[in-house]
PDB file of all heavy atoms in Angstrom:
ATOM      1  N   PRO A   1     -68.206  76.506 100.385  1.00  0.00           N
ATOM      2  CA  PRO A   1     -68.222  77.056  99.019  1.00  0.00           C
ATOM      3  C   PRO A   1     -66.828  77.397  98.507  1.00  0.00           C
ATOM      4  O   PRO A   1     -66.526  77.199  97.322  1.00  0.00           O
ATOM      5  CB  PRO A   1     -69.081  78.319  99.149  1.00  0.00           C
ATOM      6  CG  PRO A   1     -69.925  78.094 100.334  1.00  0.00           C
ATOM      7  CD  PRO A   1     -69.094  77.270 101.274  1.00  0.00           C
ATOM      8  N   ALA A   2     -65.969  77.891  99.388  1.00  0.00           N
ATOM      9  CA  ALA A   2     -64.601  78.211  98.979  1.00  0.00           C
ATOM     10  C   ALA A   2     -63.849  76.944  98.581  1.00  0.00           C
ATOM     11  O   ALA A   2     -63.119  76.924  97.579  1.00  0.00           O
ATOM     12  CB  ALA A   2     -63.872  78.932 100.098  1.00  0.00           C
ATOM     13  N   LEU A   3     -64.025  75.892  99.367  1.00  0.00           N
ATOM     14  CA  LEU A   3     -63.369  74.618  99.064  1.00  0.00           C
ATOM     15  C   LEU A   3     -63.906  74.028  97.762  1.00  0.00           C
ATOM     16  O   LEU A   3     -63.138  73.505  96.940  1.00  0.00           O
ATOM     17  CB  LEU A   3     -63.583  73.646 100.225  1.00  0.00           C
ATOM     18  CG  LEU A   3     -62.784  72.356 100.193  1.00  0.00           C
ATOM     19  CD1 LEU A   3     -61.295  72.643 100.180  1.00  0.00           C
ATOM     20  CD2 LEU A   3     -63.142  71.499 101.397  1.00  0.00           C
ATOM     21  N   ARG A   4     -65.209  74.136  97.543  1.00  0.00           N
ATOM     22  CA  ARG A   4     -65.813  73.645  96.308  1.00  0.00           C
ATOM     23  C   ARG A   4     -65.268  74.406  95.101  1.00  0.00           C
ATOM     24  O   ARG A   4     -64.940  73.821  94.069  1.00  0.00           O
ATOM     25  CB  ARG A   4     -67.328  73.774  96.364  1.00  0.00           C
ATOM     26  CG  ARG A   4     -68.035  73.138  95.183  1.00  0.00           C
ATOM     27  CD  ARG A   4     -69.558  73.250  95.249  1.00  0.00           C
ATOM     28  NE  ARG A   4     -70.114  73.103  96.579  1.00  0.00           N
ATOM     29  CZ  ARG A   4     -70.707  74.087  97.265  1.00  0.00           C
ATOM     30  NH1 ARG A   4     -70.810  75.290  96.751  1.00  0.00           N
ATOM     31  NH2 ARG A   4     -71.196  73.861  98.454  1.00  0.00           N
ATOM     32  N   GLN A   5     -65.134  75.717  95.222  1.00  0.00           N
ATOM     33  CA  GLN A   5     -64.618  76.515  94.116  1.00  0.00           C
ATOM     34  C   GLN A   5     -63.165  76.155  93.807  1.00  0.00           C
ATOM     35  O   GLN A   5     -62.783  76.046  92.644  1.00  0.00           O
ATOM     36  CB  GLN A   5     -64.728  78.001  94.439  1.00  0.00           C
ATOM     37  CG  GLN A   5     -64.304  78.887  93.288  1.00  0.00           C
ATOM     38  CD  GLN A   5     -64.468  80.353  93.583  1.00  0.00           C
ATOM     39  OE1 GLN A   5     -64.747  80.740  94.709  1.00  0.00           O
ATOM     40  NE2 GLN A   5     -64.307  81.176  92.579  1.00  0.00           N
ATOM     41  N   LEU A   6     -62.367  75.954  94.843  1.00  0.00           N
ATOM     42  CA  LEU A   6     -60.979  75.548  94.635  1.00  0.00           C
ATOM     43  C   LEU A   6     -60.918  74.185  93.965  1.00  0.00           C
ATOM     44  O   LEU A   6     -60.130  73.974  93.025  1.00  0.00           O
ATOM     45  CB  LEU A   6     -60.226  75.521  95.964  1.00  0.00           C
ATOM     46  CG  LEU A   6     -58.773  75.063  95.893  1.00  0.00           C
ATOM     47  CD1 LEU A   6     -57.956  75.984  94.987  1.00  0.00           C
ATOM     48  CD2 LEU A   6     -58.175  75.008  97.287  1.00  0.00           C
ATOM     49  N   GLY A   7     -61.746  73.245  94.411  1.00  0.00           N
ATOM     50  CA  GLY A   7     -61.785  71.919  93.793  1.00  0.00           C
ATOM     51  C   GLY A   7     -62.184  71.995  92.333  1.00  0.00           C
ATOM     52  O   GLY A   7     -61.579  71.325  91.484  1.00  0.00           O
ATOM     53  N   ASN A   8     -63.170  72.824  92.016  1.00  0.00           N
ATOM     54  CA  ASN A   8     -63.585  72.996  90.626  1.00  0.00           C
ATOM     55  C   ASN A   8     -62.460  73.571  89.785  1.00  0.00           C
ATOM     56  O   ASN A   8     -62.258  73.180  88.629  1.00  0.00           O
ATOM     57  CB  ASN A   8     -64.820  73.884  90.534  1.00  0.00           C
ATOM     58  CG  ASN A   8     -66.065  73.194  91.023  1.00  0.00           C
ATOM     59  OD1 ASN A   8     -66.140  71.974  91.076  1.00  0.00           O
ATOM     60  ND2 ASN A   8     -67.051  73.983  91.418  1.00  0.00           N
ATOM     61  N   ARG A   9     -61.717  74.500  90.367  1.00  0.00           N
ATOM     62  CA  ARG A   9     -60.586  75.102  89.641  1.00  0.00           C
ATOM     63  C   ARG A   9     -59.529  74.047  89.340  1.00  0.00           C
ATOM     64  O   ARG A   9     -59.001  73.977  88.234  1.00  0.00           O
ATOM     65  CB  ARG A   9     -60.002  76.237  90.486  1.00  0.00           C
ATOM     66  CG  ARG A   9     -58.755  76.846  89.935  1.00  0.00           C
ATOM     67  CD  ARG A   9     -59.033  77.730  88.745  1.00  0.00           C
ATOM     68  NE  ARG A   9     -57.781  78.331  88.318  1.00  0.00           N
ATOM     69  CZ  ARG A   9     -57.459  78.534  87.062  1.00  0.00           C
ATOM     70  NH1 ARG A   9     -58.313  78.251  86.109  1.00  0.00           N
ATOM     71  NH2 ARG A   9     -56.306  79.041  86.747  1.00  0.00           N
ATOM     72  N   LEU A  10     -59.219  73.218  90.329  1.00  0.00           N
ATOM     73  CA  LEU A  10     -58.203  72.187  90.138  1.00  0.00           C
ATOM     74  C   LEU A  10     -58.655  71.137  89.121  1.00  0.00           C
ATOM     75  O   LEU A  10     -57.849  70.672  88.300  1.00  0.00           O
ATOM     76  CB  LEU A  10     -57.859  71.530  91.473  1.00  0.00           C
ATOM     77  CG  LEU A  10     -57.157  72.454  92.479  1.00  0.00           C
ATOM     78  CD1 LEU A  10     -56.989  71.747  93.816  1.00  0.00           C
ATOM     79  CD2 LEU A  10     -55.832  72.938  91.947  1.00  0.00           C
ATOM     80  N   VAL A  11     -59.925  70.766  89.153  1.00  0.00           N
ATOM     81  CA  VAL A  11     -60.447  69.819  88.154  1.00  0.00           C
ATOM     82  C   VAL A  11     -60.367  70.439  86.760  1.00  0.00           C
ATOM     83  O   VAL A  11     -60.021  69.769  85.791  1.00  0.00           O
ATOM     84  CB  VAL A  11     -61.893  69.389  88.500  1.00  0.00           C
ATOM     85  CG1 VAL A  11     -62.536  68.643  87.348  1.00  0.00           C
ATOM     86  CG2 VAL A  11     -61.888  68.521  89.750  1.00  0.00           C
ATOM     87  N   GLY A  12     -60.668  71.730  86.655  1.00  0.00           N
ATOM     88  CA  GLY A  12     -60.565  72.412  85.370  1.00  0.00           C
ATOM     89  C   GLY A  12     -59.142  72.425  84.843  1.00  0.00           C
ATOM     90  O   GLY A  12     -58.901  72.232  83.646  1.00  0.00           O
ATOM     91  N   ILE A  13     -58.180  72.640  85.736  1.00  0.00           N
ATOM     92  CA  ILE A  13     -56.767  72.618  85.339  1.00  0.00           C
ATOM     93  C   ILE A  13     -56.385  71.214  84.878  1.00  0.00           C
ATOM     94  O   ILE A  13     -55.722  71.050  83.840  1.00  0.00           O
ATOM     95  CB  ILE A  13     -55.875  73.092  86.497  1.00  0.00           C
ATOM     96  CG1 ILE A  13     -56.093  74.582  86.756  1.00  0.00           C
ATOM     97  CG2 ILE A  13     -54.412  72.806  86.209  1.00  0.00           C
ATOM     98  CD1 ILE A  13     -55.469  75.090  88.044  1.00  0.00           C
ATOM     99  N   LEU A  14     -56.798  70.199  85.626  1.00  0.00           N
ATOM    100  CA  LEU A  14     -56.509  68.811  85.242  1.00  0.00           C
ATOM    101  C   LEU A  14     -57.119  68.493  83.887  1.00  0.00           C
ATOM    102  O   LEU A  14     -56.462  67.890  83.027  1.00  0.00           O
ATOM    103  CB  LEU A  14     -57.042  67.851  86.301  1.00  0.00           C
ATOM    104  CG  LEU A  14     -56.920  66.357  85.983  1.00  0.00           C
ATOM    105  CD1 LEU A  14     -55.458  65.962  85.821  1.00  0.00           C
ATOM    106  CD2 LEU A  14     -57.603  65.529  87.052  1.00  0.00           C
ATOM    107  N   HIS A  15     -58.352  68.908  83.663  1.00  0.00           N
ATOM    108  CA  HIS A  15     -59.015  68.664  82.389  1.00  0.00           C
ATOM    109  C   HIS A  15     -58.245  69.313  81.240  1.00  0.00           C
ATOM    110  O   HIS A  15     -58.046  68.707  80.188  1.00  0.00           O
ATOM    111  CB  HIS A  15     -60.449  69.195  82.428  1.00  0.00           C
ATOM    112  CG  HIS A  15     -61.176  69.009  81.148  1.00  0.00           C
ATOM    113  ND1 HIS A  15     -61.268  69.999  80.204  1.00  0.00           N
ATOM    114  CD2 HIS A  15     -61.831  67.938  80.631  1.00  0.00           C
ATOM    115  CE1 HIS A  15     -61.949  69.559  79.166  1.00  0.00           C
ATOM    116  NE2 HIS A  15     -62.306  68.304  79.411  1.00  0.00           N
ATOM    117  N   GLY A  16     -57.799  70.543  81.443  1.00  0.00           N
ATOM    118  CA  GLY A  16     -57.030  71.231  80.410  1.00  0.00           C
ATOM    119  C   GLY A  16     -55.730  70.525  80.095  1.00  0.00           C
ATOM    120  O   GLY A  16     -55.335  70.420  78.930  1.00  0.00           O
ATOM    121  N   CYS A  17     -55.049  70.031  81.129  1.00  0.00           N
ATOM    122  CA  CYS A  17     -53.790  69.302  80.923  1.00  0.00           C
ATOM    123  C   CYS A  17     -54.025  68.006  80.151  1.00  0.00           C
ATOM    124  O   CYS A  17     -53.264  67.667  79.235  1.00  0.00           O
ATOM    125  CB  CYS A  17     -53.125  68.986  82.259  1.00  0.00           C
ATOM    126  SG  CYS A  17     -52.450  70.417  83.108  1.00  0.00           S
ATOM    127  N   LEU A  18     -55.074  67.284  80.519  1.00  0.00           N
ATOM    128  CA  LEU A  18     -55.366  66.025  79.832  1.00  0.00           C
ATOM    129  C   LEU A  18     -55.803  66.266  78.389  1.00  0.00           C
ATOM    130  O   LEU A  18     -55.403  65.537  77.483  1.00  0.00           O
ATOM    131  CB  LEU A  18     -56.445  65.244  80.586  1.00  0.00           C
ATOM    132  CG  LEU A  18     -56.033  64.723  81.967  1.00  0.00           C
ATOM    133  CD1 LEU A  18     -57.240  64.136  82.683  1.00  0.00           C
ATOM    134  CD2 LEU A  18     -54.906  63.713  81.853  1.00  0.00           C
ATOM    135  N   LYS A  19     -56.613  67.294  78.183  1.00  0.00           N
ATOM    136  CA  LYS A  19     -57.119  67.593  76.848  1.00  0.00           C
ATOM    137  C   LYS A  19     -55.991  68.006  75.897  1.00  0.00           C
ATOM    138  O   LYS A  19     -55.948  67.583  74.748  1.00  0.00           O
ATOM    139  CB  LYS A  19     -58.167  68.698  76.933  1.00  0.00           C
ATOM    140  CG  LYS A  19     -58.844  69.021  75.625  1.00  0.00           C
ATOM    141  CD  LYS A  19     -59.914  70.070  75.834  1.00  0.00           C
ATOM    142  CE  LYS A  19     -60.564  70.445  74.516  1.00  0.00           C
ATOM    143  NZ  LYS A  19     -61.575  71.492  74.699  1.00  0.00           N
ATOM    144  N   SER A  20     -55.073  68.842  76.403  1.00  0.00           N
ATOM    145  CA  SER A  20     -53.986  69.327  75.551  1.00  0.00           C
ATOM    146  C   SER A  20     -52.739  68.451  75.631  1.00  0.00           C
ATOM    147  O   SER A  20     -51.744  68.726  74.956  1.00  0.00           O
ATOM    148  CB  SER A  20     -53.623  70.758  75.928  1.00  0.00           C
ATOM    149  OG  SER A  20     -53.136  70.810  77.259  1.00  0.00           O
ATOM    150  N   ARG A  21     -52.801  67.429  76.481  1.00  0.00           N
ATOM    151  CA  ARG A  21     -51.674  66.507  76.684  1.00  0.00           C
ATOM    152  C   ARG A  21     -50.394  67.251  77.056  1.00  0.00           C
ATOM    153  O   ARG A  21     -49.331  67.020  76.498  1.00  0.00           O
ATOM    154  CB  ARG A  21     -51.452  65.636  75.450  1.00  0.00           C
ATOM    155  CG  ARG A  21     -52.610  64.727  75.173  1.00  0.00           C
ATOM    156  CD  ARG A  21     -52.375  63.835  74.015  1.00  0.00           C
ATOM    157  NE  ARG A  21     -53.537  62.966  73.876  1.00  0.00           N
ATOM    158  CZ  ARG A  21     -53.611  62.001  73.007  1.00  0.00           C
ATOM    159  NH1 ARG A  21     -52.609  61.765  72.182  1.00  0.00           N
ATOM    160  NH2 ARG A  21     -54.687  61.259  72.944  1.00  0.00           N
ATOM    161  N   THR A  22     -50.529  68.160  78.006  1.00  0.00           N
ATOM    162  CA  THR A  22     -49.379  68.909  78.505  1.00  0.00           C
ATOM    163  C   THR A  22     -49.220  68.650  79.995  1.00  0.00           C
ATOM    164  O   THR A  22     -50.156  68.247  80.670  1.00  0.00           O
ATOM    165  CB  THR A  22     -49.557  70.428  78.294  1.00  0.00           C
ATOM    166  OG1 THR A  22     -50.748  70.849  78.949  1.00  0.00           O
ATOM    167  CG2 THR A  22     -49.657  70.771  76.821  1.00  0.00           C
ATOM    168  N   LEU A  23     -48.026  68.904  80.494  1.00  0.00           N
ATOM    169  CA  LEU A  23     -47.760  68.765  81.911  1.00  0.00           C
ATOM    170  C   LEU A  23     -48.270  69.990  82.657  1.00  0.00           C
ATOM    171  O   LEU A  23     -48.364  71.086  82.092  1.00  0.00           O
ATOM    172  CB  LEU A  23     -46.263  68.604  82.162  1.00  0.00           C
ATOM    173  CG  LEU A  23     -45.627  67.334  81.591  1.00  0.00           C
ATOM    174  CD1 LEU A  23     -44.127  67.351  81.835  1.00  0.00           C
ATOM    175  CD2 LEU A  23     -46.248  66.099  82.218  1.00  0.00           C
ATOM    176  N   TYR A  24     -48.578  69.810  83.921  1.00  0.00           N
ATOM    177  CA  TYR A  24     -49.048  70.911  84.763  1.00  0.00           C
ATOM    178  C   TYR A  24     -47.935  71.929  84.943  1.00  0.00           C
ATOM    179  O   TYR A  24     -46.782  71.584  85.205  1.00  0.00           O
ATOM    180  CB  TYR A  24     -49.480  70.363  86.125  1.00  0.00           C
ATOM    181  CG  TYR A  24     -49.799  71.445  87.127  1.00  0.00           C
ATOM    182  CD1 TYR A  24     -50.994  72.142  87.054  1.00  0.00           C
ATOM    183  CD2 TYR A  24     -48.901  71.767  88.136  1.00  0.00           C
ATOM    184  CE1 TYR A  24     -51.295  73.147  87.971  1.00  0.00           C
ATOM    185  CE2 TYR A  24     -49.196  72.761  89.050  1.00  0.00           C
ATOM    186  CZ  TYR A  24     -50.387  73.444  88.958  1.00  0.00           C
ATOM    187  OH  TYR A  24     -50.673  74.426  89.856  1.00  0.00           O
ATOM    188  N   ASP A  25     -48.261  73.193  84.792  1.00  0.00           N
ATOM    189  CA  ASP A  25     -47.321  74.284  85.019  1.00  0.00           C
ATOM    190  C   ASP A  25     -48.008  75.321  85.897  1.00  0.00           C
ATOM    191  O   ASP A  25     -48.985  75.948  85.481  1.00  0.00           O
ATOM    192  CB  ASP A  25     -46.895  74.898  83.685  1.00  0.00           C
ATOM    193  CG  ASP A  25     -45.944  76.064  83.848  1.00  0.00           C
ATOM    194  OD1 ASP A  25     -45.297  76.166  84.918  1.00  0.00           O
ATOM    195  OD2 ASP A  25     -45.846  76.872  82.918  1.00  0.00           O
ATOM    196  N   GLU A  26     -47.517  75.484  87.109  1.00  0.00           N
ATOM    197  CA  GLU A  26     -48.154  76.392  88.066  1.00  0.00           C
ATOM    198  C   GLU A  26     -48.195  77.825  87.551  1.00  0.00           C
ATOM    199  O   GLU A  26     -49.177  78.538  87.749  1.00  0.00           O
ATOM    200  CB  GLU A  26     -47.415  76.344  89.398  1.00  0.00           C
ATOM    201  CG  GLU A  26     -48.078  77.188  90.468  1.00  0.00           C
ATOM    202  CD  GLU A  26     -47.416  77.042  91.824  1.00  0.00           C
ATOM    203  OE1 GLU A  26     -46.517  76.217  91.980  1.00  0.00           O
ATOM    204  OE2 GLU A  26     -47.825  77.786  92.726  1.00  0.00           O
ATOM    205  N   ALA A  27     -47.152  78.246  86.860  1.00  0.00           N
ATOM    206  CA  ALA A  27     -47.113  79.614  86.330  1.00  0.00           C
ATOM    207  C   ALA A  27     -48.228  79.838  85.312  1.00  0.00           C
ATOM    208  O   ALA A  27     -48.819  80.917  85.254  1.00  0.00           O
ATOM    209  CB  ALA A  27     -45.758  79.883  85.702  1.00  0.00           C
ATOM    210  N   THR A  28     -48.554  78.839  84.541  1.00  0.00           N
ATOM    211  CA  THR A  28     -49.632  78.956  83.562  1.00  0.00           C
ATOM    212  C   THR A  28     -50.994  78.826  84.230  1.00  0.00           C
ATOM    213  O   THR A  28     -51.905  79.606  83.955  1.00  0.00           O
ATOM    214  CB  THR A  28     -49.491  77.858  82.487  1.00  0.00           C
ATOM    215  OG1 THR A  28     -48.214  77.994  81.866  1.00  0.00           O
ATOM    216  CG2 THR A  28     -50.577  77.973  81.441  1.00  0.00           C
ATOM    217  N   ALA A  29     -51.118  77.871  85.133  1.00  0.00           N
ATOM    218  CA  ALA A  29     -52.408  77.591  85.764  1.00  0.00           C
ATOM    219  C   ALA A  29     -52.908  78.755  86.603  1.00  0.00           C
ATOM    220  O   ALA A  29     -54.105  79.025  86.637  1.00  0.00           O
ATOM    221  CB  ALA A  29     -52.296  76.334  86.623  1.00  0.00           C
ATOM    222  N   TRP A  30     -52.026  79.449  87.276  1.00  0.00           N
ATOM    223  CA  TRP A  30     -52.424  80.522  88.190  1.00  0.00           C
ATOM    224  C   TRP A  30     -51.917  81.877  87.726  1.00  0.00           C
ATOM    225  O   TRP A  30     -51.830  82.813  88.523  1.00  0.00           O
ATOM    226  CB  TRP A  30     -51.923  80.222  89.599  1.00  0.00           C
ATOM    227  CG  TRP A  30     -52.433  78.924  90.115  1.00  0.00           C
ATOM    228  CD1 TRP A  30     -51.779  77.738  90.125  1.00  0.00           C
ATOM    229  CD2 TRP A  30     -53.737  78.661  90.678  1.00  0.00           C
ATOM    230  NE1 TRP A  30     -52.581  76.759  90.660  1.00  0.00           N
ATOM    231  CE2 TRP A  30     -53.777  77.299  91.010  1.00  0.00           C
ATOM    232  CE3 TRP A  30     -54.844  79.460  90.934  1.00  0.00           C
ATOM    233  CZ2 TRP A  30     -54.902  76.715  91.584  1.00  0.00           C
ATOM    234  CZ3 TRP A  30     -55.959  78.873  91.507  1.00  0.00           C
ATOM    235  CH2 TRP A  30     -55.976  77.515  91.828  1.00  0.00           C
ATOM    236  N   SER A  31     -51.594  82.019  86.449  1.00  0.00           N
ATOM    237  CA  SER A  31     -50.987  83.254  85.948  1.00  0.00           C
ATOM    238  C   SER A  31     -51.882  84.467  86.130  1.00  0.00           C
ATOM    239  O   SER A  31     -51.404  85.557  86.421  1.00  0.00           O
ATOM    240  CB  SER A  31     -50.603  83.101  84.481  1.00  0.00           C
ATOM    241  OG  SER A  31     -51.762  82.882  83.700  1.00  0.00           O
ATOM    242  N   HIS A  32     -53.188  84.314  85.977  1.00  0.00           N
ATOM    243  CA  HIS A  32     -54.075  85.464  86.123  1.00  0.00           C
ATOM    244  C   HIS A  32     -54.099  85.970  87.564  1.00  0.00           C
ATOM    245  O   HIS A  32     -54.301  87.144  87.805  1.00  0.00           O
ATOM    246  CB  HIS A  32     -55.486  85.135  85.633  1.00  0.00           C
ATOM    247  CG  HIS A  32     -56.164  84.042  86.384  1.00  0.00           C
ATOM    248  ND1 HIS A  32     -55.821  82.719  86.243  1.00  0.00           N
ATOM    249  CD2 HIS A  32     -57.136  84.088  87.305  1.00  0.00           C
ATOM    250  CE1 HIS A  32     -56.559  81.996  87.035  1.00  0.00           C
ATOM    251  NE2 HIS A  32     -57.375  82.802  87.703  1.00  0.00           N
ATOM    252  N   HIS A  33     -53.845  85.099  88.541  1.00  0.00           N
ATOM    253  CA  HIS A  33     -53.789  85.537  89.927  1.00  0.00           C
ATOM    254  C   HIS A  33     -52.468  86.240  90.222  1.00  0.00           C
ATOM    255  O   HIS A  33     -52.427  87.169  91.006  1.00  0.00           O
ATOM    256  CB  HIS A  33     -53.973  84.365  90.886  1.00  0.00           C
ATOM    257  CG  HIS A  33     -55.377  83.854  90.900  1.00  0.00           C
ATOM    258  ND1 HIS A  33     -56.411  84.554  91.459  1.00  0.00           N
ATOM    259  CD2 HIS A  33     -55.911  82.716  90.393  1.00  0.00           C
ATOM    260  CE1 HIS A  33     -57.527  83.880  91.302  1.00  0.00           C
ATOM    261  NE2 HIS A  33     -57.263  82.764  90.653  1.00  0.00           N
ATOM    262  N   ALA A  34     -51.406  85.817  89.576  1.00  0.00           N
ATOM    263  CA  ALA A  34     -50.095  86.447  89.782  1.00  0.00           C
ATOM    264  C   ALA A  34     -50.116  87.888  89.287  1.00  0.00           C
ATOM    265  O   ALA A  34     -49.560  88.783  89.913  1.00  0.00           O
ATOM    266  CB  ALA A  34     -49.006  85.657  89.079  1.00  0.00           C
ATOM    267  N   THR A  35     -50.798  88.147  88.180  1.00  0.00           N
ATOM    268  CA  THR A  35     -50.865  89.507  87.663  1.00  0.00           C
ATOM    269  C   THR A  35     -51.731  90.391  88.553  1.00  0.00           C
ATOM    270  O   THR A  35     -51.443  91.564  88.732  1.00  0.00           O
ATOM    271  CB  THR A  35     -51.407  89.540  86.213  1.00  0.00           C
ATOM    272  OG1 THR A  35     -52.663  88.889  86.171  1.00  0.00           O
ATOM    273  CG2 THR A  35     -50.441  88.850  85.265  1.00  0.00           C
TER     274      THR A  35
END
């Protein structure tokens, strides 16, 4: 389940990048965890 959740998170990040036509930025993708 942990691996599935991580995979879903990464697919969601990829989808957001493709939809907005932006490059991946780790600071943006994981910003809520950093705080």
